[in-house]
């Protein structure tokens, strides 16, 4: 019984680490999700860099546990979760 508990605990910990890392969310996927959630690449968006649409914005992507942080410097921040949702 003790051995079974260790195996189950190890599997759960491994799954949580994988979800926290979320390797299936790359930079392009995260940016595309944000653009789609915003309403498409042709939606008007003005930032300090003079972008006219959200598709032209200068995005930065950072890792955050269970998600990625997509931002436009000094303008907006979105979180793309491990299941593909945008917050």
N, C-alpha and C. Protein backbone atom coordinates (compact mmCIF):
# COMPACT_ATOMS: atom_id res chain seq x y z
N UNK A 1 0.83 -1.20 0.00
CA UNK A 1 0.00 0.00 0.00
C UNK A 1 0.87 1.26 0.00
N UNK A 2 1.95 1.24 0.77
CA UNK A 2 2.84 2.38 0.83
C UNK A 2 3.48 2.67 -0.52
N UNK A 3 3.86 1.62 -1.21
CA UNK A 3 4.49 1.74 -2.51
C UNK A 3 3.51 2.32 -3.54
N UNK A 4 2.27 1.89 -3.46
CA UNK A 4 1.22 2.38 -4.38
C UNK A 4 0.99 3.88 -4.18
N UNK A 5 0.99 4.32 -2.94
CA UNK A 5 0.79 5.73 -2.63
C UNK A 5 1.93 6.58 -3.17
N UNK A 6 3.16 6.09 -3.06
CA UNK A 6 4.31 6.81 -3.59
C UNK A 6 4.22 6.94 -5.11
N UNK A 7 3.81 5.88 -5.78
CA UNK A 7 3.70 5.91 -7.24
C UNK A 7 2.62 6.90 -7.67
N UNK A 8 1.47 6.86 -7.03
CA UNK A 8 0.37 7.77 -7.37
C UNK A 8 0.77 9.21 -7.09
N UNK A 9 1.43 9.44 -5.96
CA UNK A 9 1.88 10.80 -5.63
C UNK A 9 2.89 11.30 -6.65
N UNK A 10 3.80 10.44 -7.06
CA UNK A 10 4.80 10.82 -8.06
C UNK A 10 4.15 11.18 -9.39
N UNK A 11 3.16 10.41 -9.80
CA UNK A 11 2.46 10.69 -11.05
C UNK A 11 1.72 12.01 -10.98
N UNK A 12 1.06 12.28 -9.86
CA UNK A 12 0.33 13.54 -9.70
C UNK A 12 1.29 14.73 -9.72
N UNK A 13 2.42 14.61 -9.04
CA UNK A 13 3.41 15.69 -9.03
C UNK A 13 3.97 15.92 -10.43
N UNK A 14 4.25 14.85 -11.14
CA UNK A 14 4.75 14.97 -12.51
C UNK A 14 3.73 15.65 -13.43
N UNK A 15 2.46 15.32 -13.27
CA UNK A 15 1.41 15.95 -14.08
C UNK A 15 1.28 17.44 -13.76
N UNK A 16 1.38 17.80 -12.48
CA UNK A 16 1.29 19.22 -12.10
C UNK A 16 2.47 20.01 -12.66
N UNK A 17 3.66 19.40 -12.64
CA UNK A 17 4.83 20.08 -13.21
C UNK A 17 4.63 20.29 -14.70
N UNK A 18 4.12 19.28 -15.37
CA UNK A 18 3.88 19.40 -16.82
C UNK A 18 2.85 20.48 -17.12
N UNK A 19 1.77 20.54 -16.33
CA UNK A 19 0.76 21.59 -16.53
C UNK A 19 1.32 22.97 -16.24
N UNK A 20 2.16 23.07 -15.21
CA UNK A 20 2.75 24.38 -14.87
C UNK A 20 3.69 24.85 -15.96
N UNK A 21 4.42 23.92 -16.56
CA UNK A 21 5.36 24.26 -17.63
C UNK A 21 4.62 24.55 -18.92
N UNK A 22 3.58 23.78 -19.24
CA UNK A 22 2.74 23.93 -20.43
C UNK A 22 3.57 24.12 -21.71
N UNK A 23 4.36 23.12 -22.10
CA UNK A 23 5.24 23.28 -23.26
C UNK A 23 4.50 23.41 -24.59
N UNK A 24 3.22 23.06 -24.65
CA UNK A 24 2.46 23.16 -25.89
C UNK A 24 2.06 24.59 -26.20
N UNK A 25 2.26 25.51 -25.25
CA UNK A 25 1.96 26.92 -25.50
C UNK A 25 3.26 27.61 -25.90
N UNK A 26 3.47 27.78 -27.20
CA UNK A 26 4.66 28.51 -27.64
C UNK A 26 4.27 29.98 -27.87
N UNK A 27 5.24 30.80 -28.20
CA UNK A 27 5.00 32.23 -28.34
C UNK A 27 3.96 32.54 -29.43
N UNK A 28 4.09 31.90 -30.57
CA UNK A 28 3.15 32.17 -31.67
C UNK A 28 1.73 31.75 -31.31
N UNK A 29 1.58 30.60 -30.65
CA UNK A 29 0.25 30.13 -30.23
C UNK A 29 -0.39 31.14 -29.28
N UNK A 30 0.39 31.62 -28.30
CA UNK A 30 -0.14 32.57 -27.32
C UNK A 30 -0.55 33.88 -27.98
N UNK A 31 0.27 34.39 -28.88
CA UNK A 31 -0.05 35.64 -29.57
C UNK A 31 -1.29 35.46 -30.44
N UNK A 32 -1.38 34.35 -31.15
CA UNK A 32 -2.55 34.08 -32.00
C UNK A 32 -3.83 33.99 -31.17
N UNK A 33 -3.75 33.37 -29.98
CA UNK A 33 -4.93 33.27 -29.11
C UNK A 33 -5.38 34.66 -28.65
N UNK A 34 -4.43 35.52 -28.32
CA UNK A 34 -4.76 36.88 -27.88
C UNK A 34 -5.39 37.67 -29.02
N UNK A 35 -4.82 37.58 -30.20
CA UNK A 35 -5.37 38.30 -31.35
C UNK A 35 -6.78 37.82 -31.66
N UNK A 36 -6.98 36.51 -31.63
CA UNK A 36 -8.32 35.95 -31.89
C UNK A 36 -9.31 36.41 -30.82
N UNK A 37 -8.89 36.40 -29.55
CA UNK A 37 -9.76 36.83 -28.46
C UNK A 37 -10.07 38.32 -28.56
N UNK A 38 -9.13 39.11 -29.04
CA UNK A 38 -9.31 40.55 -29.18
C UNK A 38 -10.29 40.89 -30.30
N UNK A 39 -10.45 39.96 -31.25
CA UNK A 39 -11.41 40.20 -32.32
C UNK A 39 -10.83 40.11 -33.72
N UNK A 40 -9.62 39.63 -33.83
CA UNK A 40 -9.01 39.50 -35.15
C UNK A 40 -7.88 40.49 -35.34
N UNK A 41 -7.02 40.21 -36.29
CA UNK A 41 -5.83 41.03 -36.49
C UNK A 41 -6.14 42.39 -37.10
N UNK A 42 -7.34 42.60 -37.59
CA UNK A 42 -7.70 43.89 -38.20
C UNK A 42 -8.36 44.86 -37.22
N UNK A 43 -8.55 44.45 -35.96
CA UNK A 43 -9.17 45.34 -34.97
C UNK A 43 -8.24 46.50 -34.66
N UNK A 44 -8.76 47.71 -34.54
CA UNK A 44 -7.93 48.88 -34.23
C UNK A 44 -7.27 48.75 -32.86
N UNK A 45 -6.00 49.10 -32.79
CA UNK A 45 -5.24 49.07 -31.54
C UNK A 45 -4.10 50.06 -31.66
N UNK A 46 -4.04 51.02 -30.76
CA UNK A 46 -2.96 52.01 -30.78
C UNK A 46 -2.08 51.79 -29.56
N UNK A 47 -0.77 51.74 -29.78
CA UNK A 47 0.18 51.65 -28.69
C UNK A 47 1.28 52.70 -28.91
N UNK A 48 2.26 52.72 -28.02
CA UNK A 48 3.32 53.71 -28.13
C UNK A 48 4.17 53.53 -29.38
N UNK A 49 4.12 52.35 -29.99
CA UNK A 49 4.90 52.09 -31.20
C UNK A 49 4.15 52.50 -32.46
N UNK A 50 2.94 52.99 -32.32
CA UNK A 50 2.18 53.49 -33.44
C UNK A 50 1.45 52.42 -34.24
N UNK A 51 1.23 51.26 -33.66
CA UNK A 51 0.51 50.20 -34.38
C UNK A 51 -0.92 50.66 -34.66
N UNK A 52 -1.42 50.34 -35.81
CA UNK A 52 -2.78 50.73 -36.19
C UNK A 52 -3.78 49.61 -35.94
N UNK A 53 -3.31 48.34 -35.95
CA UNK A 53 -4.19 47.20 -35.67
C UNK A 53 -3.49 46.30 -34.64
N UNK A 54 -4.26 45.42 -34.01
CA UNK A 54 -3.68 44.51 -33.01
C UNK A 54 -2.68 43.56 -33.66
N UNK A 55 -2.86 43.23 -34.91
CA UNK A 55 -1.93 42.36 -35.61
C UNK A 55 -0.55 42.96 -35.83
N UNK A 56 -0.47 44.29 -35.81
CA UNK A 56 0.80 44.99 -36.00
C UNK A 56 1.49 45.33 -34.68
N UNK A 57 0.87 45.03 -33.55
CA UNK A 57 1.42 45.40 -32.25
C UNK A 57 2.71 44.64 -31.96
N UNK A 58 3.55 45.22 -31.13
CA UNK A 58 4.82 44.62 -30.73
C UNK A 58 4.59 43.80 -29.46
N UNK A 59 4.38 42.50 -29.59
CA UNK A 59 4.06 41.63 -28.45
C UNK A 59 5.32 41.10 -27.77
N UNK A 60 5.23 40.90 -26.46
CA UNK A 60 6.24 40.17 -25.70
C UNK A 60 5.54 39.01 -25.01
N UNK A 61 6.22 37.88 -24.92
CA UNK A 61 5.64 36.69 -24.29
C UNK A 61 6.59 36.22 -23.20
N UNK A 62 6.02 35.95 -22.01
CA UNK A 62 6.80 35.47 -20.87
C UNK A 62 6.13 34.25 -20.28
N UNK A 63 6.93 33.42 -19.60
CA UNK A 63 6.39 32.25 -18.94
C UNK A 63 5.81 32.66 -17.60
N UNK A 64 4.70 32.05 -17.23
CA UNK A 64 4.07 32.20 -15.92
C UNK A 64 3.51 30.83 -15.58
N UNK A 65 3.53 30.40 -14.32
CA UNK A 65 3.03 29.06 -14.00
C UNK A 65 1.62 28.83 -14.54
N UNK A 66 1.43 27.73 -15.23
CA UNK A 66 0.16 27.31 -15.81
C UNK A 66 -0.33 28.21 -16.95
N UNK A 67 0.52 29.09 -17.45
CA UNK A 67 0.09 29.98 -18.53
C UNK A 67 1.29 30.69 -19.15
N UNK A 68 0.99 31.56 -20.10
CA UNK A 68 1.97 32.48 -20.67
C UNK A 68 1.39 33.88 -20.56
N UNK A 69 2.25 34.84 -20.36
CA UNK A 69 1.84 36.24 -20.28
C UNK A 69 2.19 36.90 -21.61
N UNK A 70 1.18 37.41 -22.28
CA UNK A 70 1.38 38.11 -23.55
C UNK A 70 1.09 39.59 -23.29
N UNK A 71 2.03 40.42 -23.65
CA UNK A 71 1.84 41.83 -23.39
C UNK A 71 2.31 42.71 -24.52
N UNK A 72 1.77 43.90 -24.52
CA UNK A 72 2.25 44.97 -25.39
C UNK A 72 2.86 45.97 -24.41
N UNK A 73 4.17 46.23 -24.50
CA UNK A 73 4.83 47.06 -23.51
C UNK A 73 4.09 48.37 -23.23
N UNK A 74 3.87 48.63 -21.96
CA UNK A 74 3.22 49.84 -21.44
C UNK A 74 1.76 49.98 -21.88
N UNK A 75 1.13 48.90 -22.36
CA UNK A 75 -0.24 49.02 -22.85
C UNK A 75 -1.20 48.00 -22.23
N UNK A 76 -0.97 46.73 -22.50
CA UNK A 76 -1.93 45.71 -22.11
C UNK A 76 -1.23 44.39 -21.80
N UNK A 77 -1.89 43.56 -20.98
CA UNK A 77 -1.36 42.25 -20.62
C UNK A 77 -2.50 41.24 -20.67
N UNK A 78 -2.24 40.08 -21.26
CA UNK A 78 -3.19 38.98 -21.30
C UNK A 78 -2.49 37.72 -20.79
N UNK A 79 -3.25 36.83 -20.16
CA UNK A 79 -2.75 35.53 -19.73
C UNK A 79 -3.39 34.47 -20.61
N UNK A 80 -2.58 33.63 -21.22
CA UNK A 80 -3.08 32.49 -22.00
C UNK A 80 -2.85 31.27 -21.14
N UNK A 81 -3.94 30.65 -20.69
CA UNK A 81 -3.85 29.53 -19.75
C UNK A 81 -3.46 28.24 -20.45
N UNK A 82 -3.13 27.21 -19.66
CA UNK A 82 -2.67 25.94 -20.23
C UNK A 82 -3.74 25.24 -21.03
N UNK A 83 -4.99 25.58 -20.83
CA UNK A 83 -6.08 24.95 -21.62
C UNK A 83 -6.51 25.84 -22.79
N UNK A 84 -5.82 26.95 -23.03
CA UNK A 84 -6.07 27.77 -24.21
C UNK A 84 -6.99 28.96 -23.98
N UNK A 85 -7.39 29.20 -22.77
CA UNK A 85 -8.24 30.35 -22.47
C UNK A 85 -7.41 31.63 -22.35
N UNK A 86 -8.05 32.75 -22.60
CA UNK A 86 -7.38 34.05 -22.49
C UNK A 86 -8.05 34.85 -21.39
N UNK A 87 -7.21 35.33 -20.48
CA UNK A 87 -7.72 36.14 -19.36
C UNK A 87 -7.16 37.53 -19.48
